[in-house]
N, C-alpha and C. Protein backbone atom coordinates (compact mmCIF):
# COMPACT_ATOMS: atom_id res chain seq x y z
N MET A 1 97.51 66.89 109.52
CA MET A 1 97.33 68.13 108.88
C MET A 1 95.39 67.94 108.95
N GLY A 2 94.75 68.74 109.30
CA GLY A 2 93.34 68.80 109.06
C GLY A 2 92.46 68.97 107.65
N ARG A 3 91.48 68.80 107.66
CA ARG A 3 90.73 68.80 106.49
C ARG A 3 90.59 70.05 105.82
N SER A 4 90.75 71.15 106.89
CA SER A 4 90.82 72.71 106.36
C SER A 4 92.06 72.94 105.99
N PHE A 5 93.05 72.13 106.12
CA PHE A 5 94.28 72.75 105.36
C PHE A 5 94.19 72.16 104.32
N GLY A 6 93.95 70.66 104.12
CA GLY A 6 93.77 70.36 102.58
C GLY A 6 92.36 71.10 101.86
N ARG A 7 91.57 71.44 102.23
CA ARG A 7 90.59 72.72 101.11
C ARG A 7 91.18 73.93 101.26
N ALA A 8 91.86 74.43 101.60
CA ALA A 8 92.46 75.69 101.93
C ALA A 8 94.01 75.46 100.50
N TRP A 9 94.66 74.32 100.61
CA TRP A 9 95.75 74.12 99.79
C TRP A 9 94.83 74.09 98.44
N LEU A 10 93.72 73.36 98.29
CA LEU A 10 93.15 72.96 96.88
C LEU A 10 92.60 74.45 96.39
N ILE A 11 91.93 74.97 96.94
CA ILE A 11 91.45 76.37 96.68
C ILE A 11 92.55 77.07 96.45
N CYS A 12 93.46 77.51 97.18
CA CYS A 12 94.78 78.14 96.97
C CYS A 12 95.71 77.74 95.27
N ALA A 13 95.71 76.38 95.17
CA ALA A 13 96.49 76.06 94.28
C ALA A 13 95.51 76.19 92.68
N ALA A 14 93.93 76.25 92.92
CA ALA A 14 92.84 76.41 91.76
C ALA A 14 93.18 77.69 91.38
N TRP A 15 92.97 78.70 92.67
CA TRP A 15 93.17 80.19 92.03
C TRP A 15 94.80 80.69 91.96
N ASP A 16 95.72 79.80 91.89
CA ASP A 16 97.01 80.25 91.37
C ASP A 16 96.68 79.83 89.63
N PHE A 17 96.24 78.97 89.59
CA PHE A 17 95.95 78.48 88.24
C PHE A 17 94.93 79.20 87.48
N GLY A 18 94.30 80.32 87.97
CA GLY A 18 92.84 80.80 87.30
C GLY A 18 91.68 80.62 87.50
N ILE A 19 91.74 79.76 88.44
CA ILE A 19 90.20 79.56 88.85
C ILE A 19 89.51 80.15 90.12
N VAL A 20 89.07 81.25 89.86
CA VAL A 20 88.62 81.93 91.11
C VAL A 20 87.52 82.01 92.07
N PRO A 21 87.93 81.70 93.23
CA PRO A 21 87.02 81.32 94.06
C PRO A 21 85.77 81.87 94.44
N ASP A 22 84.49 81.47 94.74
CA ASP A 22 83.11 81.97 94.98
C ASP A 22 83.24 82.78 95.77
N PRO A 23 82.21 83.85 95.96
CA PRO A 23 82.18 84.30 96.92
C PRO A 23 81.62 83.35 98.43
N GLU A 24 81.43 82.26 98.45
CA GLU A 24 81.16 81.38 99.65
C GLU A 24 82.31 81.03 100.03
N THR A 25 83.60 80.76 99.19
CA THR A 25 84.49 80.46 99.68
C THR A 25 85.38 81.25 100.30
N PHE A 26 85.29 82.66 99.93
CA PHE A 26 85.84 83.90 100.83
C PHE A 26 84.84 83.87 102.35
N THR A 27 83.65 83.65 102.35
CA THR A 27 83.09 83.58 103.10
C THR A 27 83.66 82.50 104.45
N LEU A 28 83.89 81.54 104.07
CA LEU A 28 84.18 80.30 104.52
C LEU A 28 85.35 80.56 105.22
N PHE A 29 86.37 81.24 104.36
CA PHE A 29 88.06 81.33 104.69
C PHE A 29 88.12 82.43 105.52
N ARG A 30 87.12 83.45 105.60
CA ARG A 30 87.26 84.32 106.68
C ARG A 30 87.83 83.64 108.12
N GLY A 31 87.10 82.74 108.62
CA GLY A 31 87.29 82.52 109.98
C GLY A 31 88.23 81.58 110.04
N TRP A 32 88.89 80.95 108.78
CA TRP A 32 90.33 80.19 109.18
C TRP A 32 91.51 80.44 109.20
N ARG A 33 91.54 81.86 109.93
CA ARG A 33 92.94 82.26 109.98
C ARG A 33 93.95 81.49 110.69
N THR A 34 93.43 80.64 111.71
CA THR A 34 94.32 79.60 112.73
C THR A 34 94.61 78.67 111.52
N THR A 35 94.34 78.28 110.62
CA THR A 35 94.88 77.14 109.45
C THR A 35 95.59 78.06 108.74
N PHE A 36 95.52 79.04 107.91
CA PHE A 36 96.34 79.70 107.50
C PHE A 36 97.64 80.09 107.91
N ASP A 37 97.92 80.67 109.28
CA ASP A 37 98.59 80.73 110.20
C ASP A 37 99.63 79.38 110.47
N ARG A 38 98.81 78.48 110.73
CA ARG A 38 99.64 77.04 110.91
C ARG A 38 100.08 76.33 109.81
N TYR A 39 99.54 76.57 108.42
CA TYR A 39 100.09 76.12 107.49
C TYR A 39 100.28 76.99 106.32
N PRO A 40 101.51 77.81 106.25
CA PRO A 40 101.75 78.94 105.37
C PRO A 40 102.10 78.17 103.88
N LEU A 41 101.33 78.90 102.90
CA LEU A 41 101.78 78.31 101.67
C LEU A 41 102.62 79.75 100.88
N ALA A 42 103.78 79.86 101.21
CA ALA A 42 104.56 80.53 100.83
C ALA A 42 104.86 81.16 99.69
N THR A 43 104.81 79.85 98.32
CA THR A 43 104.79 80.14 97.18
C THR A 43 103.32 80.42 96.29
N SER A 44 102.16 80.51 97.23
CA SER A 44 101.21 80.77 96.78
C SER A 44 100.41 82.14 96.51
N PRO A 45 100.23 82.79 95.37
CA PRO A 45 99.89 83.94 95.26
C PRO A 45 98.80 84.27 96.13
N ALA A 46 97.79 83.21 95.72
CA ALA A 46 96.65 82.95 95.96
C ALA A 46 96.69 83.26 97.76
N TYR A 47 97.25 82.68 98.34
CA TYR A 47 97.35 82.69 99.63
C TYR A 47 97.64 83.70 100.18
N HIS A 48 98.44 84.50 99.64
CA HIS A 48 99.00 85.91 100.09
C HIS A 48 97.49 86.90 99.70
N ALA A 49 97.22 86.64 98.89
CA ALA A 49 95.77 87.64 98.20
C ALA A 49 94.71 87.23 99.69
N PHE A 50 94.67 85.99 99.69
CA PHE A 50 93.64 85.81 100.84
C PHE A 50 93.92 86.52 102.18
N ARG A 51 94.87 86.34 102.75
CA ARG A 51 95.79 86.55 103.89
C ARG A 51 95.58 88.75 103.60
N SER A 52 95.80 89.05 102.64
CA SER A 52 95.58 90.86 102.30
C SER A 52 94.27 91.09 102.39
N TRP A 53 93.32 90.36 101.50
CA TRP A 53 91.92 90.34 101.63
C TRP A 53 91.20 90.38 103.09
N PHE A 54 91.85 89.72 103.89
CA PHE A 54 91.04 89.68 105.14
C PHE A 54 91.77 90.64 106.22
N GLY A 55 92.73 91.42 105.80
CA GLY A 55 93.63 91.96 106.71
C GLY A 55 94.19 91.41 107.49
N TRP A 56 94.88 90.32 107.33
CA TRP A 56 95.43 89.54 108.32
C TRP A 56 97.24 89.73 107.48
N PRO A 57 97.67 89.73 109.05
CA PRO A 57 99.19 90.24 108.83
C PRO A 57 100.14 89.55 107.48
N PRO A 58 100.91 90.47 106.79
CA PRO A 58 101.72 89.38 105.55
C PRO A 58 102.49 88.35 106.42
N VAL A 59 102.74 87.31 105.56
CA VAL A 59 103.87 86.35 105.92
C VAL A 59 105.08 86.44 104.71
N ALA A 60 106.37 86.02 105.23
CA ALA A 60 107.28 86.16 103.95
C ALA A 60 106.73 85.17 103.05
N LYS A 61 107.04 85.72 101.82
CA LYS A 61 106.80 85.26 100.21
C LYS A 61 107.84 84.43 99.82
N ALA A 62 107.95 83.22 99.48
CA ALA A 62 109.14 82.50 98.72
C ALA A 62 108.93 82.45 97.44
N ARG A 63 109.81 82.39 96.45
CA ARG A 63 109.74 82.09 94.82
C ARG A 63 110.36 80.79 94.82
N LEU A 64 109.54 80.36 93.85
CA LEU A 64 110.33 78.88 93.37
C LEU A 64 111.58 78.81 92.68
N LEU A 65 111.57 80.03 91.64
CA LEU A 65 112.59 79.98 90.51
C LEU A 65 113.15 81.78 90.77
N ASP A 66 114.70 81.62 90.64
CA ASP A 66 115.24 82.85 90.12
C ASP A 66 115.26 82.92 88.78
N SER A 67 115.37 84.16 88.16
CA SER A 67 115.81 84.37 87.08
C SER A 67 117.46 84.30 86.83
N THR A 68 117.74 84.30 85.47
CA THR A 68 119.07 84.12 85.60
C THR A 68 119.92 85.10 85.80
N ALA A 69 119.60 86.39 86.01
CA ALA A 69 120.03 87.50 86.15
C ALA A 69 120.33 87.83 87.70
N GLU A 70 119.03 86.75 88.56
CA GLU A 70 119.26 86.73 89.79
C GLU A 70 120.43 85.56 90.34
N GLN A 71 120.19 84.71 89.88
CA GLN A 71 121.55 83.71 89.87
C GLN A 71 122.69 84.18 89.84
N LEU A 72 123.10 85.24 88.53
CA LEU A 72 124.38 85.41 88.28
C LEU A 72 124.82 86.57 89.42
N ASP A 73 123.59 87.53 89.79
CA ASP A 73 123.96 88.82 90.87
C ASP A 73 124.50 87.90 91.86
N ARG A 74 123.71 86.73 92.37
CA ARG A 74 124.22 85.78 93.57
C ARG A 74 125.70 85.55 93.45
N ARG A 75 125.65 84.97 92.42
CA ARG A 75 127.10 83.86 92.17
C ARG A 75 128.17 85.16 92.06
N GLU A 76 128.03 86.29 91.82
CA GLU A 76 129.05 87.41 91.52
C GLU A 76 128.89 88.05 92.92
N GLY A 77 128.48 87.89 93.63
CA GLY A 77 128.40 88.82 94.92
C GLY A 77 127.66 89.71 95.22
N ARG A 78 126.40 90.28 93.81
CA ARG A 78 125.73 91.27 94.10
C ARG A 78 124.64 91.51 95.09
N GLY A 79 124.02 91.86 95.64
CA GLY A 79 123.12 91.72 96.60
C GLY A 79 121.73 92.11 95.59
N PRO A 80 120.55 91.98 96.39
CA PRO A 80 119.12 91.75 95.50
C PRO A 80 119.36 93.31 94.79
N ASP A 81 118.27 93.20 93.88
CA ASP A 81 118.09 94.33 92.78
C ASP A 81 117.25 95.44 93.38
N PRO A 82 117.67 96.46 93.56
CA PRO A 82 116.93 97.38 94.22
C PRO A 82 115.62 97.63 93.42
N CYS A 83 115.36 97.20 92.40
CA CYS A 83 114.28 97.62 91.89
C CYS A 83 113.10 96.41 91.54
N ARG A 84 113.65 95.25 92.53
CA ARG A 84 113.01 94.23 92.36
C ARG A 84 111.61 94.58 92.60
N ARG A 85 111.34 95.11 93.78
CA ARG A 85 109.92 95.27 94.32
C ARG A 85 109.12 96.19 93.57
N ARG A 86 109.37 96.56 92.41
CA ARG A 86 108.66 97.08 91.43
C ARG A 86 108.09 96.48 90.63
N MET A 87 108.51 94.98 90.28
CA MET A 87 108.14 93.96 89.31
C MET A 87 107.17 93.62 89.69
């Protein structure tokens, strides 16, 4: 993994916790699509925000935690909540 991955990871992690990147970071990351494609950070909202901002194709999102209701639905054989996308 290269230095660019480490930098992208740190910036995304900081933004995920409320430290917004400066305009220079957006300018820098505009040319890093290859890095973002090669090392997806599926659980990072910031990672997905950068992709959206630059108009890059979205990648599958991952969630770290399911709610109790989602766990019970899965255990009891129910499919995903049709209203989940609205949250």
